[in-house]
Amino acid sequence: MNFKIVVWSFFLLCLTFSPPAAAEEAAESDQPKADSPLLRKSMFGIGLHDTGPISDKKENGVDANWELQFNRPSWNWWRWILSPYTVVGATANFNGATSQLYGALNWEVSLSTKWTDALTFNLTKTMFLSVGIGPAIHNGPLTKNQERCDETDDCGFGTRILPRLFAEVGTYFWKNQGISFFVDHMSGGKAFGGKQNEGVDHVGLRYHFIFNGN
């Protein structure tokens, strides 16, 4: 199936997704707040493909990223894992390189404290740091020519589903909008039984829209 169709279908389905009754009551979120019973915010970004701190730059392009973040459930046990948000997203490359669909647990903290605000003249008052981890499914090659892989490190990803790590730093503005710089990395095929272990990074910018922020 054409991966472009998969990406757009996934995005449209997320927009019409309805929540399970047990998760409708959201916990109080970081600044700014969201009043939606399901969605906290949506993000759209542009990232440089296979560009990042540990990238081997075997692929290239400019990728589009869509993501939906859900409000935290009010389950008591959720606090034991520090009350992360849950997210689903897609990163699409339209030049024939690797695209991915993913889900993740996402922890977000405000960078505003009385010390940081004083040191930065209140610049950190609306800033946040976010990190996430979760599985991603991709359409990249699982294996390539082994001899070439050994000689030039031009390898396949090893397995169809891989762990994906994510981090971003950003700022909110106009009560319900934000912008951030992000970096992500997907790899780890050999750890899950794959014969090869290619990875892919992204660095880029994202726009955030917080539903009913106040």
N, C-alpha and C. Protein backbone atom coordinates (compact mmCIF):
# COMPACT_ATOMS: atom_id res chain seq x y z
N MET A 1 0.84 -1.20 0.00
CA MET A 1 0.00 0.00 0.00
C MET A 1 0.88 1.25 0.00
N ASN A 2 0.48 2.28 -0.74
CA ASN A 2 1.22 3.52 -0.80
C ASN A 2 1.27 4.16 0.59
N PHE A 3 2.50 4.47 1.06
CA PHE A 3 2.65 4.96 2.42
C PHE A 3 2.04 6.33 2.62
N LYS A 4 1.94 7.12 1.56
CA LYS A 4 1.28 8.42 1.68
C LYS A 4 -0.18 8.24 2.08
N ILE A 5 -0.84 7.23 1.49
CA ILE A 5 -2.24 6.96 1.83
C ILE A 5 -2.36 6.55 3.28
N VAL A 6 -1.41 5.71 3.76
CA VAL A 6 -1.42 5.27 5.15
C VAL A 6 -1.30 6.46 6.09
N VAL A 7 -0.36 7.37 5.79
CA VAL A 7 -0.13 8.52 6.65
C VAL A 7 -1.37 9.40 6.75
N TRP A 8 -1.98 9.74 5.61
CA TRP A 8 -3.16 10.61 5.63
C TRP A 8 -4.35 9.92 6.28
N SER A 9 -4.51 8.62 6.04
CA SER A 9 -5.60 7.87 6.68
C SER A 9 -5.43 7.87 8.19
N PHE A 10 -4.19 7.65 8.63
CA PHE A 10 -3.89 7.65 10.06
C PHE A 10 -4.22 9.01 10.68
N PHE A 11 -3.83 10.07 10.01
CA PHE A 11 -4.06 11.42 10.53
C PHE A 11 -5.54 11.72 10.64
N LEU A 12 -6.33 11.36 9.64
CA LEU A 12 -7.76 11.63 9.66
C LEU A 12 -8.46 10.79 10.71
N LEU A 13 -8.03 9.54 10.89
CA LEU A 13 -8.63 8.69 11.91
C LEU A 13 -8.37 9.25 13.31
N CYS A 14 -7.17 9.78 13.53
CA CYS A 14 -6.86 10.36 14.84
C CYS A 14 -7.78 11.53 15.17
N LEU A 15 -8.11 12.31 14.15
CA LEU A 15 -8.97 13.47 14.38
C LEU A 15 -10.38 13.08 14.77
N THR A 16 -10.82 11.89 14.38
CA THR A 16 -12.18 11.46 14.69
C THR A 16 -12.22 10.43 15.81
N PHE A 17 -11.08 10.15 16.42
CA PHE A 17 -11.00 9.14 17.47
C PHE A 17 -11.78 9.60 18.70
N SER A 18 -12.55 8.68 19.33
CA SER A 18 -13.30 9.01 20.54
C SER A 18 -12.67 8.31 21.73
N PRO A 19 -12.66 8.93 22.92
CA PRO A 19 -11.95 8.41 24.07
C PRO A 19 -12.70 7.30 24.76
N PRO A 20 -12.01 6.33 25.44
CA PRO A 20 -12.66 5.40 26.33
C PRO A 20 -13.18 6.14 27.55
N ALA A 21 -14.27 5.65 28.12
CA ALA A 21 -14.91 6.36 29.23
C ALA A 21 -13.99 6.51 30.42
N ALA A 22 -13.11 5.53 30.67
CA ALA A 22 -12.25 5.57 31.85
C ALA A 22 -11.22 6.67 31.79
N ALA A 23 -10.94 7.20 30.60
CA ALA A 23 -9.88 8.20 30.49
C ALA A 23 -10.41 9.59 30.20
N GLU A 24 -11.72 9.80 30.33
CA GLU A 24 -12.29 11.08 29.94
C GLU A 24 -11.91 12.19 30.90
N GLU A 25 -11.75 11.85 32.20
CA GLU A 25 -11.41 12.89 33.17
C GLU A 25 -9.92 13.13 33.14
N ALA A 26 -9.48 14.33 32.75
CA ALA A 26 -8.05 14.62 32.60
C ALA A 26 -7.49 15.21 33.88
N ALA A 27 -6.23 14.87 34.17
CA ALA A 27 -5.54 15.49 35.29
C ALA A 27 -5.13 16.90 34.92
N GLU A 28 -4.87 17.71 35.93
CA GLU A 28 -4.47 19.09 35.66
C GLU A 28 -3.13 19.10 34.96
N SER A 29 -3.03 19.83 33.88
CA SER A 29 -1.83 19.81 33.04
C SER A 29 -0.92 20.98 33.36
N ASP A 30 0.30 20.93 32.76
CA ASP A 30 1.24 22.04 32.89
C ASP A 30 0.73 23.24 32.12
N GLN A 31 1.30 24.39 32.40
CA GLN A 31 0.90 25.62 31.72
C GLN A 31 1.24 25.53 30.24
N PRO A 32 0.35 25.95 29.33
CA PRO A 32 -1.02 26.34 29.59
C PRO A 32 -1.93 25.13 29.77
N LYS A 33 -3.11 25.36 30.36
CA LYS A 33 -4.04 24.26 30.63
C LYS A 33 -4.88 23.94 29.40
N ALA A 34 -5.40 22.70 29.37
CA ALA A 34 -6.29 22.30 28.30
C ALA A 34 -7.58 21.75 28.89
N ASP A 35 -8.71 22.15 28.35
CA ASP A 35 -10.00 21.73 28.89
C ASP A 35 -10.66 20.62 28.09
N SER A 36 -10.09 20.24 26.97
CA SER A 36 -10.65 19.17 26.16
C SER A 36 -10.63 17.86 26.94
N PRO A 37 -11.71 17.07 26.92
CA PRO A 37 -11.72 15.80 27.65
C PRO A 37 -10.78 14.76 27.04
N LEU A 38 -10.37 14.93 25.81
CA LEU A 38 -9.50 13.95 25.16
C LEU A 38 -8.17 14.54 24.73
N LEU A 39 -8.22 15.48 23.81
CA LEU A 39 -7.00 16.02 23.24
C LEU A 39 -6.48 17.20 24.05
N ARG A 40 -5.19 17.18 24.34
CA ARG A 40 -4.57 18.35 24.96
C ARG A 40 -4.06 19.30 23.89
N LYS A 41 -3.34 18.76 22.88
CA LYS A 41 -2.85 19.63 21.82
C LYS A 41 -2.51 18.84 20.58
N SER A 42 -2.37 19.55 19.49
CA SER A 42 -1.91 18.96 18.23
C SER A 42 -0.66 19.71 17.79
N MET A 43 0.21 19.01 17.07
CA MET A 43 1.47 19.59 16.62
C MET A 43 1.68 19.30 15.14
N PHE A 44 2.29 20.25 14.47
CA PHE A 44 2.73 20.05 13.10
C PHE A 44 4.15 20.59 12.99
N GLY A 45 5.03 19.80 12.35
CA GLY A 45 6.41 20.22 12.26
C GLY A 45 7.07 19.84 10.96
N ILE A 46 8.24 20.40 10.75
CA ILE A 46 9.09 20.10 9.62
C ILE A 46 10.46 19.70 10.16
N GLY A 47 10.98 18.56 9.71
CA GLY A 47 12.27 18.10 10.21
C GLY A 47 13.21 17.71 9.09
N LEU A 48 14.51 17.91 9.30
CA LEU A 48 15.53 17.46 8.36
C LEU A 48 15.73 15.96 8.54
N HIS A 49 15.57 15.21 7.45
CA HIS A 49 15.60 13.76 7.52
C HIS A 49 17.03 13.24 7.69
N ASP A 50 17.17 12.29 8.63
CA ASP A 50 18.46 11.65 8.93
C ASP A 50 19.54 12.67 9.25
N THR A 51 19.14 13.69 9.98
CA THR A 51 20.06 14.72 10.44
C THR A 51 19.91 14.83 11.95
N GLY A 52 21.01 14.68 12.67
CA GLY A 52 20.92 14.74 14.11
C GLY A 52 22.23 14.41 14.77
N PRO A 53 22.23 14.33 16.11
CA PRO A 53 23.48 14.15 16.86
C PRO A 53 24.19 12.83 16.59
N ILE A 54 23.47 11.77 16.24
CA ILE A 54 24.13 10.49 15.96
C ILE A 54 23.75 9.96 14.58
N SER A 55 23.34 10.83 13.70
CA SER A 55 22.93 10.41 12.36
C SER A 55 24.14 10.03 11.51
N ASP A 56 23.96 8.98 10.67
CA ASP A 56 25.01 8.63 9.71
C ASP A 56 24.71 9.19 8.32
N LYS A 57 23.58 9.92 8.20
CA LYS A 57 23.23 10.64 6.96
C LYS A 57 23.20 9.72 5.74
N LYS A 58 22.60 8.53 5.91
CA LYS A 58 22.46 7.63 4.76
C LYS A 58 21.23 7.97 3.92
N GLU A 59 20.28 8.73 4.51
CA GLU A 59 19.10 9.18 3.78
C GLU A 59 19.02 10.70 3.89
N ASN A 60 18.11 11.30 3.13
CA ASN A 60 18.00 12.76 3.19
C ASN A 60 16.58 13.18 2.85
N GLY A 61 16.34 14.47 2.94
CA GLY A 61 15.04 15.02 2.62
C GLY A 61 14.54 15.93 3.73
N VAL A 62 13.35 16.46 3.54
CA VAL A 62 12.66 17.26 4.54
C VAL A 62 11.33 16.58 4.81
N ASP A 63 11.10 16.20 6.06
CA ASP A 63 9.93 15.41 6.43
C ASP A 63 8.88 16.25 7.14
N ALA A 64 7.62 15.88 6.93
CA ALA A 64 6.50 16.49 7.67
C ALA A 64 6.18 15.63 8.88
N ASN A 65 5.87 16.27 9.99
CA ASN A 65 5.52 15.55 11.22
C ASN A 65 4.17 16.04 11.74
N TRP A 66 3.28 15.09 12.02
CA TRP A 66 2.00 15.39 12.65
C TRP A 66 1.94 14.62 13.95
N GLU A 67 1.37 15.24 14.98
CA GLU A 67 1.26 14.53 16.26
C GLU A 67 0.05 15.03 17.04
N LEU A 68 -0.60 14.12 17.73
CA LEU A 68 -1.70 14.44 18.64
C LEU A 68 -1.29 14.01 20.04
N GLN A 69 -1.51 14.89 21.01
CA GLN A 69 -1.21 14.59 22.40
C GLN A 69 -2.50 14.57 23.20
N PHE A 70 -2.68 13.51 23.98
CA PHE A 70 -3.91 13.31 24.75
C PHE A 70 -3.72 13.74 26.20
N ASN A 71 -4.80 14.23 26.80
CA ASN A 71 -4.75 14.57 28.21
C ASN A 71 -4.43 13.35 29.05
N ARG A 72 -3.79 13.60 30.19
CA ARG A 72 -3.43 12.50 31.08
C ARG A 72 -4.67 11.94 31.76
N PRO A 73 -4.77 10.62 31.87
CA PRO A 73 -5.90 10.03 32.61
C PRO A 73 -5.77 10.32 34.10
N SER A 74 -6.86 10.18 34.82
CA SER A 74 -6.86 10.48 36.25
C SER A 74 -6.63 9.24 37.11
N TRP A 75 -6.20 8.14 36.49
CA TRP A 75 -5.93 6.91 37.25
C TRP A 75 -4.83 7.17 38.27
N ASN A 76 -5.04 6.67 39.49
CA ASN A 76 -4.06 6.88 40.55
C ASN A 76 -2.71 6.25 40.21
N TRP A 77 -2.75 5.06 39.61
CA TRP A 77 -1.48 4.38 39.33
C TRP A 77 -0.67 5.09 38.26
N TRP A 78 -1.30 5.97 37.45
CA TRP A 78 -0.58 6.70 36.40
C TRP A 78 0.49 7.62 37.01
N ARG A 79 0.25 8.05 38.25
CA ARG A 79 1.22 8.94 38.91
C ARG A 79 2.51 8.21 39.23
N TRP A 80 2.47 6.88 39.32
CA TRP A 80 3.68 6.13 39.62
C TRP A 80 4.69 6.21 38.48
N ILE A 81 4.23 6.51 37.28
CA ILE A 81 5.16 6.70 36.16
C ILE A 81 5.23 8.18 35.78
N LEU A 82 4.96 9.04 36.78
CA LEU A 82 5.12 10.49 36.68
C LEU A 82 4.15 11.13 35.70
N SER A 83 2.99 10.53 35.52
CA SER A 83 1.87 11.10 34.78
C SER A 83 2.24 11.62 33.39
N PRO A 84 2.74 10.75 32.51
CA PRO A 84 3.05 11.23 31.16
C PRO A 84 1.79 11.44 30.33
N TYR A 85 1.91 12.25 29.30
CA TYR A 85 0.88 12.32 28.27
C TYR A 85 1.12 11.16 27.30
N THR A 86 0.07 10.76 26.59
CA THR A 86 0.23 9.80 25.51
C THR A 86 0.09 10.53 24.18
N VAL A 87 0.87 10.08 23.20
CA VAL A 87 0.86 10.73 21.90
C VAL A 87 0.82 9.68 20.79
N VAL A 88 0.27 10.06 19.65
CA VAL A 88 0.38 9.29 18.41
C VAL A 88 0.81 10.26 17.33
N GLY A 89 1.60 9.78 16.39
CA GLY A 89 2.08 10.69 15.37
C GLY A 89 2.59 9.99 14.14
N ALA A 90 2.95 10.77 13.15
CA ALA A 90 3.48 10.26 11.89
C ALA A 90 4.55 11.22 11.39
N THR A 91 5.63 10.67 10.86
CA THR A 91 6.66 11.45 10.20
C THR A 91 6.82 10.90 8.80
N ALA A 92 6.52 11.72 7.81
CA ALA A 92 6.44 11.25 6.43
C ALA A 92 7.54 11.87 5.57
N ASN A 93 8.24 10.99 4.84
CA ASN A 93 9.21 11.42 3.85
C ASN A 93 8.62 11.13 2.48
N PHE A 94 8.57 12.12 1.60
CA PHE A 94 7.94 11.97 0.29
C PHE A 94 8.97 11.83 -0.83
N ASN A 95 10.23 11.51 -0.47
CA ASN A 95 11.28 11.33 -1.46
C ASN A 95 11.76 9.89 -1.55
N GLY A 96 10.98 8.96 -1.02
CA GLY A 96 11.34 7.56 -1.10
C GLY A 96 12.18 7.05 0.05
N ALA A 97 12.48 7.90 1.04
CA ALA A 97 13.22 7.47 2.22
C ALA A 97 12.24 6.97 3.29
N THR A 98 12.75 6.71 4.47
CA THR A 98 11.97 6.04 5.52
C THR A 98 10.95 6.97 6.16
N SER A 99 9.70 6.51 6.26
CA SER A 99 8.64 7.18 7.00
C SER A 99 8.26 6.32 8.19
N GLN A 100 7.54 6.91 9.13
CA GLN A 100 7.20 6.15 10.34
C GLN A 100 5.89 6.62 10.95
N LEU A 101 5.19 5.69 11.59
CA LEU A 101 4.05 5.95 12.46
C LEU A 101 4.49 5.57 13.87
N TYR A 102 4.05 6.32 14.88
CA TYR A 102 4.56 6.03 16.21
C TYR A 102 3.55 6.38 17.29
N GLY A 103 3.76 5.80 18.44
CA GLY A 103 3.07 6.16 19.66
C GLY A 103 4.12 6.34 20.75
N ALA A 104 3.77 7.04 21.82
CA ALA A 104 4.79 7.28 22.85
C ALA A 104 4.15 7.74 24.15
N LEU A 105 4.92 7.60 25.22
CA LEU A 105 4.66 8.27 26.47
C LEU A 105 5.52 9.52 26.49
N ASN A 106 4.93 10.64 26.87
CA ASN A 106 5.60 11.93 26.76
C ASN A 106 5.53 12.67 28.10
N TRP A 107 6.70 13.01 28.63
CA TRP A 107 6.77 13.76 29.88
C TRP A 107 7.15 15.20 29.58
N GLU A 108 6.36 16.14 30.08
CA GLU A 108 6.61 17.56 29.83
C GLU A 108 6.74 18.30 31.16
N VAL A 109 7.77 19.14 31.28
CA VAL A 109 7.96 19.93 32.49
C VAL A 109 8.18 21.39 32.10
N SER A 110 7.72 22.27 32.95
CA SER A 110 7.95 23.70 32.75
C SER A 110 9.38 24.05 33.17
N LEU A 111 9.99 24.96 32.47
CA LEU A 111 11.32 25.44 32.83
C LEU A 111 11.26 26.66 33.73
N SER A 112 10.06 27.02 34.14
CA SER A 112 9.88 28.21 34.97
C SER A 112 10.04 27.88 36.45
N THR A 113 11.02 28.47 37.08
CA THR A 113 11.19 28.45 38.53
C THR A 113 11.57 29.86 38.96
N LYS A 114 11.57 30.12 40.24
CA LYS A 114 11.93 31.47 40.68
C LYS A 114 13.39 31.78 40.36
N TRP A 115 14.24 30.73 40.27
CA TRP A 115 15.65 30.96 39.96
C TRP A 115 15.85 31.15 38.46
N THR A 116 15.26 30.27 37.65
CA THR A 116 15.46 30.40 36.20
C THR A 116 14.79 31.66 35.66
N ASP A 117 13.62 32.00 36.20
CA ASP A 117 12.95 33.23 35.74
C ASP A 117 13.77 34.47 36.07
N ALA A 118 14.39 34.47 37.25
CA ALA A 118 15.21 35.62 37.64
C ALA A 118 16.45 35.72 36.77
N LEU A 119 17.06 34.57 36.47
CA LEU A 119 18.30 34.58 35.68
C LEU A 119 18.05 34.93 34.21
N THR A 120 16.85 34.63 33.71
CA THR A 120 16.56 34.85 32.28
C THR A 120 15.60 36.02 32.06
N PHE A 121 15.38 36.82 33.11
CA PHE A 121 14.45 37.97 33.00
C PHE A 121 13.07 37.51 32.52
N ASN A 122 12.60 36.40 33.12
CA ASN A 122 11.28 35.80 32.87
C ASN A 122 11.16 35.13 31.50
N LEU A 123 12.26 34.94 30.79
CA LEU A 123 12.21 34.25 29.51
C LEU A 123 11.72 32.82 29.67
N THR A 124 12.07 32.17 30.77
CA THR A 124 11.68 30.77 30.98
C THR A 124 10.26 30.62 31.51
N LYS A 125 9.56 31.71 31.73
CA LYS A 125 8.23 31.64 32.36
C LYS A 125 7.25 30.83 31.52
N THR A 126 7.41 30.83 30.21
CA THR A 126 6.50 30.07 29.34
C THR A 126 7.22 28.93 28.61
N MET A 127 8.45 28.62 29.01
CA MET A 127 9.22 27.60 28.30
C MET A 127 9.00 26.21 28.91
N PHE A 128 9.17 25.18 28.09
CA PHE A 128 8.98 23.81 28.55
C PHE A 128 10.03 22.89 27.93
N LEU A 129 10.25 21.76 28.59
CA LEU A 129 11.09 20.69 28.09
C LEU A 129 10.26 19.42 28.04
N SER A 130 10.37 18.69 26.95
CA SER A 130 9.57 17.49 26.77
C SER A 130 10.46 16.35 26.27
N VAL A 131 10.26 15.15 26.83
CA VAL A 131 10.96 13.95 26.37
C VAL A 131 9.95 12.83 26.21
N GLY A 132 10.23 11.89 25.30
CA GLY A 132 9.30 10.81 25.06
C GLY A 132 9.98 9.56 24.57
N ILE A 133 9.31 8.42 24.74
CA ILE A 133 9.80 7.15 24.26
C ILE A 133 8.61 6.26 23.90
N GLY A 134 8.76 5.49 22.84
CA GLY A 134 7.69 4.59 22.44
C GLY A 134 8.05 3.85 21.17
N PRO A 135 7.15 2.97 20.69
CA PRO A 135 7.42 2.19 19.49
C PRO A 135 7.07 2.95 18.22
N ALA A 136 7.81 2.66 17.17
CA ALA A 136 7.52 3.22 15.84
C ALA A 136 7.53 2.09 14.82
N ILE A 137 6.62 2.15 13.86
CA ILE A 137 6.62 1.23 12.73
C ILE A 137 7.01 2.02 11.49
N HIS A 138 7.89 1.46 10.68
CA HIS A 138 8.46 2.21 9.57
C HIS A 138 8.39 1.40 8.28
N ASN A 139 8.67 2.05 7.17
CA ASN A 139 8.64 1.39 5.86
C ASN A 139 10.03 1.28 5.23
N GLY A 140 11.08 1.45 6.04
CA GLY A 140 12.44 1.33 5.53
C GLY A 140 12.86 -0.12 5.33
N PRO A 141 13.99 -0.35 4.65
CA PRO A 141 14.48 -1.72 4.41
C PRO A 141 14.95 -2.37 5.70
N LEU A 142 14.63 -3.66 5.87
CA LEU A 142 15.07 -4.38 7.07
C LEU A 142 16.52 -4.83 6.94
N THR A 143 16.91 -5.27 5.74
CA THR A 143 18.29 -5.68 5.51
C THR A 143 18.75 -5.17 4.14
N LYS A 144 20.06 -4.93 4.05
CA LYS A 144 20.70 -4.59 2.79
C LYS A 144 21.85 -5.57 2.58
N ASN A 145 22.58 -5.41 1.49
CA ASN A 145 23.73 -6.27 1.21
C ASN A 145 24.67 -6.30 2.42
N GLN A 146 24.89 -7.51 2.97
CA GLN A 146 25.65 -7.63 4.21
C GLN A 146 27.10 -7.17 4.06
N GLU A 147 27.71 -7.49 2.92
CA GLU A 147 29.09 -7.08 2.70
C GLU A 147 29.21 -5.55 2.66
N ARG A 148 28.27 -4.92 1.97
CA ARG A 148 28.27 -3.46 1.91
C ARG A 148 27.97 -2.86 3.28
N CYS A 149 27.09 -3.52 4.01
CA CYS A 149 26.75 -3.06 5.37
C CYS A 149 27.99 -3.09 6.25
N ASP A 150 28.78 -4.18 6.17
CA ASP A 150 29.98 -4.31 6.99
C ASP A 150 31.05 -3.29 6.60
N GLU A 151 31.15 -3.00 5.30
CA GLU A 151 32.21 -2.13 4.82
C GLU A 151 31.89 -0.64 4.96
N THR A 152 30.65 -0.28 4.68
CA THR A 152 30.30 1.14 4.64
C THR A 152 29.25 1.55 5.66
N ASP A 153 28.76 0.60 6.45
CA ASP A 153 27.71 0.86 7.44
C ASP A 153 26.40 1.29 6.78
N ASP A 154 26.21 0.91 5.51
CA ASP A 154 24.94 1.16 4.82
C ASP A 154 24.06 -0.06 5.02
N CYS A 155 23.28 -0.05 6.10
CA CYS A 155 22.57 -1.25 6.55
C CYS A 155 21.06 -1.03 6.55
N GLY A 156 20.33 -2.11 6.81
CA GLY A 156 18.89 -2.03 7.00
C GLY A 156 18.56 -1.80 8.47
N PHE A 157 17.27 -1.61 8.75
CA PHE A 157 16.84 -1.29 10.11
C PHE A 157 16.71 -2.51 11.02
N GLY A 158 16.71 -3.70 10.45
CA GLY A 158 16.69 -4.92 11.27
C GLY A 158 15.31 -5.45 11.57
N THR A 159 14.42 -4.65 12.13
CA THR A 159 13.06 -5.07 12.44
C THR A 159 12.08 -3.97 12.04
N ARG A 160 10.84 -4.38 11.80
CA ARG A 160 9.83 -3.43 11.31
C ARG A 160 9.39 -2.45 12.40
N ILE A 161 9.39 -2.88 13.66
CA ILE A 161 9.01 -2.02 14.78
C ILE A 161 10.25 -1.75 15.62
N LEU A 162 10.51 -0.48 15.89
CA LEU A 162 11.72 -0.07 16.60
C LEU A 162 11.38 0.94 17.69
N PRO A 163 12.22 1.04 18.72
CA PRO A 163 12.02 2.11 19.71
C PRO A 163 12.39 3.47 19.13
N ARG A 164 11.66 4.46 19.56
CA ARG A 164 11.89 5.84 19.11
C ARG A 164 12.02 6.75 20.32
N LEU A 165 13.09 7.55 20.36
CA LEU A 165 13.34 8.50 21.42
C LEU A 165 13.11 9.91 20.89
N PHE A 166 12.67 10.80 21.78
CA PHE A 166 12.28 12.13 21.34
C PHE A 166 12.57 13.15 22.44
N ALA A 167 12.98 14.35 22.05
CA ALA A 167 13.13 15.45 23.00
C ALA A 167 12.86 16.77 22.29
N GLU A 168 12.30 17.73 23.02
CA GLU A 168 12.08 19.06 22.45
C GLU A 168 12.11 20.10 23.55
N VAL A 169 12.43 21.31 23.17
CA VAL A 169 12.36 22.45 24.06
C VAL A 169 11.62 23.56 23.32
N GLY A 170 10.72 24.22 24.02
CA GLY A 170 9.90 25.21 23.33
C GLY A 170 9.31 26.23 24.26
N THR A 171 8.45 27.07 23.71
CA THR A 171 7.79 28.11 24.50
C THR A 171 6.35 28.26 24.04
N TYR A 172 5.47 28.58 24.97
CA TYR A 172 4.07 28.85 24.67
C TYR A 172 3.85 30.35 24.51
N PHE A 173 2.87 30.71 23.68
CA PHE A 173 2.52 32.10 23.50
C PHE A 173 1.04 32.20 23.16
N TRP A 174 0.46 33.37 23.36
CA TRP A 174 -0.96 33.62 23.07
C TRP A 174 -1.88 32.60 23.75
N LYS A 175 -1.47 32.13 24.92
CA LYS A 175 -2.25 31.24 25.79
C LYS A 175 -2.42 29.83 25.26
N ASN A 176 -2.64 29.64 23.96
CA ASN A 176 -2.91 28.28 23.49
C ASN A 176 -2.08 27.90 22.26
N GLN A 177 -0.93 28.53 22.08
CA GLN A 177 -0.07 28.17 20.97
C GLN A 177 1.37 28.08 21.44
N GLY A 178 2.20 27.41 20.64
CA GLY A 178 3.59 27.26 21.02
C GLY A 178 4.45 26.93 19.83
N ILE A 179 5.76 26.99 20.04
CA ILE A 179 6.72 26.61 19.02
C ILE A 179 7.88 25.93 19.72
N SER A 180 8.49 24.95 19.06
CA SER A 180 9.55 24.20 19.72
C SER A 180 10.60 23.74 18.72
N PHE A 181 11.77 23.43 19.25
CA PHE A 181 12.84 22.77 18.51
C PHE A 181 12.87 21.32 18.98
N PHE A 182 12.92 20.36 18.06
CA PHE A 182 12.87 18.95 18.46
C PHE A 182 13.98 18.14 17.80
N VAL A 183 14.26 17.00 18.42
CA VAL A 183 15.18 16.01 17.86
C VAL A 183 14.62 14.63 18.20
N ASP A 184 14.68 13.69 17.27
CA ASP A 184 14.26 12.32 17.56
C ASP A 184 15.23 11.32 16.95
N HIS A 185 15.17 10.09 17.43
CA HIS A 185 16.04 9.03 16.94
C HIS A 185 15.29 7.71 17.00
N MET A 186 15.35 6.94 15.92
CA MET A 186 14.73 5.61 15.85
C MET A 186 15.79 4.60 15.43
N SER A 187 16.00 3.56 16.24
CA SER A 187 16.94 2.49 15.89
C SER A 187 16.81 1.38 16.92
N GLY A 188 17.69 0.38 16.84
CA GLY A 188 17.70 -0.69 17.84
C GLY A 188 17.32 -2.05 17.30
N GLY A 189 17.46 -2.26 15.97
CA GLY A 189 17.01 -3.51 15.37
C GLY A 189 17.69 -4.75 15.94
N LYS A 190 18.98 -4.68 16.19
CA LYS A 190 19.69 -5.86 16.69
C LYS A 190 19.22 -6.26 18.08
N ALA A 191 18.79 -5.30 18.88
CA ALA A 191 18.31 -5.60 20.23
C ALA A 191 17.02 -6.41 20.20
N PHE A 192 16.32 -6.39 19.06
CA PHE A 192 15.06 -7.11 18.92
C PHE A 192 15.16 -8.25 17.91
N GLY A 193 16.38 -8.74 17.70
CA GLY A 193 16.57 -9.92 16.87
C GLY A 193 16.88 -9.64 15.41
N GLY A 194 17.01 -8.39 15.01
CA GLY A 194 17.33 -8.08 13.63
C GLY A 194 18.80 -8.33 13.31
N LYS A 195 19.09 -8.56 12.05
CA LYS A 195 20.47 -8.82 11.63
C LYS A 195 21.26 -7.53 11.42
N GLN A 196 20.56 -6.44 11.16
CA GLN A 196 21.23 -5.16 10.93
C GLN A 196 20.62 -4.10 11.84
N ASN A 197 21.23 -2.93 11.89
CA ASN A 197 20.89 -1.99 12.95
C ASN A 197 20.98 -0.53 12.50
N GLU A 198 20.35 -0.22 11.36
CA GLU A 198 20.33 1.17 10.89
C GLU A 198 19.47 2.03 11.81
N GLY A 199 19.71 3.33 11.80
CA GLY A 199 18.91 4.27 12.56
C GLY A 199 18.61 5.50 11.73
N VAL A 200 17.68 6.31 12.19
CA VAL A 200 17.36 7.55 11.50
C VAL A 200 17.01 8.62 12.53
N ASP A 201 17.52 9.83 12.30
CA ASP A 201 17.27 10.97 13.18
C ASP A 201 16.48 12.04 12.44
N HIS A 202 15.89 12.95 13.22
CA HIS A 202 15.32 14.18 12.68
C HIS A 202 15.65 15.32 13.63
N VAL A 203 15.87 16.50 13.08
CA VAL A 203 15.89 17.74 13.86
C VAL A 203 15.01 18.73 13.13
N GLY A 204 14.26 19.53 13.87
CA GLY A 204 13.38 20.48 13.19
C GLY A 204 12.59 21.35 14.15
N LEU A 205 11.56 21.98 13.61
CA LEU A 205 10.70 22.89 14.36
C LEU A 205 9.26 22.40 14.32
N ARG A 206 8.53 22.66 15.40
CA ARG A 206 7.11 22.28 15.44
C ARG A 206 6.27 23.43 15.98
N TYR A 207 5.05 23.51 15.43
CA TYR A 207 4.03 24.44 15.92
C TYR A 207 3.04 23.65 16.77
N HIS A 208 2.64 24.20 17.92
CA HIS A 208 1.74 23.55 18.85
C HIS A 208 0.44 24.34 18.95
N PHE A 209 -0.67 23.63 18.94
CA PHE A 209 -1.98 24.26 19.21
C PHE A 209 -2.61 23.54 20.39
N ILE A 210 -2.86 24.26 21.48
CA ILE A 210 -3.43 23.69 22.69
C ILE A 210 -4.94 23.91 22.65
N PHE A 211 -5.71 22.84 22.76
CA PHE A 211 -7.16 22.94 22.68
C PHE A 211 -7.71 23.60 23.93
N ASN A 212 -8.48 24.68 23.73
CA ASN A 212 -9.13 25.38 24.83
C ASN A 212 -8.15 25.82 25.91
N GLY A 213 -6.95 26.20 25.51
CA GLY A 213 -5.96 26.65 26.49
C GLY A 213 -6.41 27.94 27.16
N ASN A 214 -6.04 28.07 28.41
CA ASN A 214 -6.39 29.30 29.11
C ASN A 214 -5.31 29.68 30.10
